């Protein structure tokens, strides 16, 4: 844990109502010093284990693929990042770039992007590949790099502005200082990236992602992987749920208590305001649902909604 920083004083924030909210995770870049400090890295190396595959727990498409392991081993790389082609759903995801000073691959996150550059950052044609956070690491090379840097990997620091109580937007603003494990791609001389099928990336970072995964746009394979159905041709539907009403899981569950709508034929679904979805809703093409009252919960009746805007 690391302390959240008060944006006004740059001191650790104080929140007596819930002291545990004064702390936040350090980001998954902490995996590297944690491997060393816990003794796990030395134990793995002592057992002759040289290769590590690591992924985000929220990526339900991540599996150990032996073909990728063979590629990683044969190339003699220290670090390999799996990337996928960006779609509209991935415009805010971290993308690969090259450093001007040394030409190395580097990871650029949205939190590191100046506001005036946001449009270019989200241009999926300009920056075609995003980081799936499926990473392959050569453990003996990692140990050498940790030893060379005094027990840490010099990762860029990411500053995220939040509120001390995530459920209370009126609570004081804080800075959460984090590092990303994928940023280590720039720390090794022998690093690379490989384009993988979209099936290896099934994230659940927002309730919009969760709705796609619970819908008929996805299926579970016989070996327990969650993938898009064949009709989607590798492209997930673009879902944008009003974050004022759907951000928290408890609210999401209430609005979709009767299950997710059918999205297998949906290009995009946008929902404004609090809308409860009845069972039997089918969305096809581009669909926008608007609660014109913006406060009173309205119910979307069963039926097929195709290329339409629905005011409630």
Foldseek 3Di string as FASTA:
>chain_A
DAFWAFPVPRHQDDDVVDRVLRDDDQEPLVVLLCCVVVCVLVVCVVVVHFKDKDADPQFLLADDDVVVVVVCVVLVFAKEFEKAFDDLQCLQAWFWDADPVPRFIFIDHNLNDDPVCSVVSSPSVNGTIGTLRTMMGGSVVSVVLCVVVVSHQPFDKGWDWAASDNVDRPHGITIRIHGYNRRCSRVTPGYYYDYDALSNGQGDPFVQSVLQQQALQWDADPVGGIGGDVLCVRDTAAEAEDCVQRGDPVSVCQQQVQTHEHCNQENYEYEAAAEREHPQEHEHYYEYEYAVVRYDYYYDDHDYHYPDYHYD
